[in-house]
Amino acid sequence: MIEYRTQPLETAALLEELSFYCQVLANKGIETTNIMFGWDSNLDIDDMWHEMSVPRKDVADFVLSAERAGTVIVGRSDIFMSTGGLEFTLCHESDVHIKATADAASEFSDRWKDMGYSPYAVQPST
């Protein structure tokens, strides 16, 4: 597995990347993804990092609904998604992470290069 991250992005760009993640899932025929809320979400620590299975077609509405409810703020709260060998994160530091096989991750890093998001590979910790 390889991980790439972008530079910090504006909220609109983060939401575009969320849509792209869902498009990649659709192209792979994947119908659901697991979502967890983490650091800087408005949840008790014991309520963070609990996976919720969400239909792919409802992911954007689910995240925006959680934001309207005050549970998360896109770009300021960790929102983790995973399925089909992809781990996608809208990070509390306003960047995006992808962790996947090299081929799958390159689909995102190539896009991010084209978009000017300055992706960089994250070295695994030892």
Protein backbone atom coordinates (compact mmCIF):
# COMPACT_ATOMS: atom_id res chain seq x y z
CA MET A 1 0.00 0.00 0.00
CA ILE A 2 1.11 3.53 -0.73
CA GLU A 3 -0.23 6.76 0.71
CA TYR A 4 -0.42 10.16 -0.95
CA ARG A 5 -1.55 13.46 0.53
CA THR A 6 -2.41 16.80 -1.00
CA GLN A 7 -1.50 20.26 0.17
CA PRO A 8 -4.25 21.97 2.24
CA LEU A 9 -7.29 22.67 0.06
CA GLU A 10 -10.36 24.87 0.20
CA THR A 11 -13.64 23.27 1.25
CA ALA A 12 -15.03 23.25 -2.30
CA ALA A 13 -11.98 21.32 -3.54
CA LEU A 14 -12.29 18.85 -0.65
CA LEU A 15 -15.90 18.20 -1.64
CA GLU A 16 -14.85 17.74 -5.29
CA GLU A 17 -12.38 15.08 -4.16
CA LEU A 18 -15.13 13.39 -2.16
CA SER A 19 -17.18 13.25 -5.37
CA PHE A 20 -14.18 11.86 -7.25
CA TYR A 21 -13.75 9.12 -4.60
CA CYS A 22 -17.41 8.17 -5.11
CA GLN A 23 -16.92 8.19 -8.89
CA VAL A 24 -13.94 5.82 -8.53
CA LEU A 25 -16.08 3.51 -6.41
CA ALA A 26 -18.86 3.61 -9.02
CA ASN A 27 -16.36 2.77 -11.76
CA LYS A 28 -15.29 -0.27 -9.71
CA GLY A 29 -18.90 -1.32 -9.14
CA ILE A 30 -18.66 -0.69 -5.39
CA GLU A 31 -22.01 0.26 -3.87
CA THR A 32 -21.11 1.07 -0.23
CA THR A 33 -18.27 2.58 1.76
CA ASN A 34 -17.47 2.69 5.45
CA ILE A 35 -17.28 6.12 7.06
CA MET A 36 -15.82 7.06 10.44
CA PHE A 37 -15.45 10.42 12.13
CA GLY A 38 -12.25 11.09 14.07
CA TRP A 39 -10.16 13.95 15.44
CA ASP A 40 -11.82 17.33 15.73
CA SER A 41 -15.30 15.98 15.19
CA ASN A 42 -17.91 17.12 17.70
CA LEU A 43 -18.24 13.68 19.28
CA ASP A 44 -17.17 12.22 22.59
CA ILE A 45 -13.90 10.36 22.21
CA ASP A 46 -15.71 7.04 22.76
CA ASP A 47 -18.04 7.81 19.82
CA MET A 48 -15.24 8.48 17.32
CA TRP A 49 -13.86 5.85 14.94
CA HIS A 50 -17.06 3.81 14.69
CA GLU A 51 -17.61 2.58 11.14
CA MET A 52 -20.93 3.32 9.48
CA SER A 53 -21.76 1.65 6.17
CA VAL A 54 -23.14 4.23 3.75
CA PRO A 55 -24.40 3.64 0.20
CA ARG A 56 -22.00 5.25 -2.28
CA LYS A 57 -24.76 7.35 -3.80
CA ASP A 58 -25.51 8.86 -0.36
CA VAL A 59 -21.95 9.64 0.77
CA ALA A 60 -21.92 13.37 -0.06
CA ASP A 61 -25.35 13.91 1.51
CA PHE A 62 -24.27 11.91 4.58
CA VAL A 63 -21.15 14.05 5.09
CA LEU A 64 -22.98 17.33 4.45
CA SER A 65 -25.79 16.27 6.80
CA ALA A 66 -23.22 15.53 9.52
CA GLU A 67 -21.73 18.97 8.92
CA ARG A 68 -25.14 20.67 9.16
CA ALA A 69 -25.77 18.77 12.41
CA GLY A 70 -22.49 20.11 13.82
CA THR A 71 -20.86 16.68 14.05
CA VAL A 72 -18.00 17.52 11.65
CA ILE A 73 -16.60 20.42 9.69
CA VAL A 74 -15.20 19.45 6.29
CA GLY A 75 -11.53 20.44 6.35
CA ARG A 76 -11.39 20.68 10.13
CA SER A 77 -12.52 17.20 11.19
CA ASP A 78 -11.16 13.80 10.20
CA ILE A 79 -13.59 11.94 7.95
CA PHE A 80 -12.32 8.47 7.06
CA MET A 81 -13.74 6.34 4.24
CA SER A 82 -12.70 2.88 3.18
CA THR A 83 -13.79 0.11 0.86
CA GLY A 84 -12.46 -1.96 -1.99
CA GLY A 85 -8.84 -1.53 -0.90
CA LEU A 86 -9.07 2.27 -0.86
CA GLU A 87 -8.65 4.35 2.29
CA PHE A 88 -9.72 7.96 1.65
CA THR A 89 -9.51 10.69 4.27
CA LEU A 90 -10.75 14.24 4.37
CA CYS A 91 -8.29 15.38 7.02
CA HIS A 92 -8.67 17.86 9.89
CA GLU A 93 -5.66 19.66 8.38
CA SER A 94 -7.67 20.49 5.20
CA ASP A 95 -5.82 18.01 3.01
CA VAL A 96 -6.86 14.73 1.41
CA HIS A 97 -5.19 11.34 1.89
CA ILE A 98 -5.44 8.21 -0.23
CA LYS A 99 -3.95 4.89 0.81
CA ALA A 100 -4.20 2.01 -1.64
CA THR A 101 -2.23 -0.22 -3.96
CA ALA A 102 0.17 1.76 -6.16
CA ASP A 103 -2.12 1.51 -9.22
CA ALA A 104 -5.23 2.63 -7.36
CA ALA A 105 -3.41 5.40 -5.49
CA SER A 106 -1.87 6.74 -8.71
CA GLU A 107 -5.37 7.42 -10.08
CA PHE A 108 -5.71 9.98 -7.28
CA SER A 109 -2.13 11.30 -7.26
CA ASP A 110 -2.20 11.82 -11.05
CA ARG A 111 -5.44 13.76 -10.73
CA TRP A 112 -4.03 15.80 -7.86
CA LYS A 113 -0.93 16.68 -9.92
CA ASP A 114 -3.18 17.81 -12.78
CA MET A 115 -5.28 19.88 -10.36
CA GLY A 116 -2.17 21.56 -8.88
CA TYR A 117 -2.70 20.02 -5.43
CA SER A 118 1.00 19.08 -5.02
CA PRO A 119 0.52 15.48 -3.88
CA TYR A 120 3.36 13.79 -2.07
CA ALA A 121 4.00 10.22 -1.02
CA VAL A 122 3.96 9.50 2.70
CA GLN A 123 6.79 7.29 3.85
CA PRO A 124 5.62 4.38 6.03
CA SER A 125 6.64 4.71 9.65
CA THR A 126 9.01 2.10 10.97
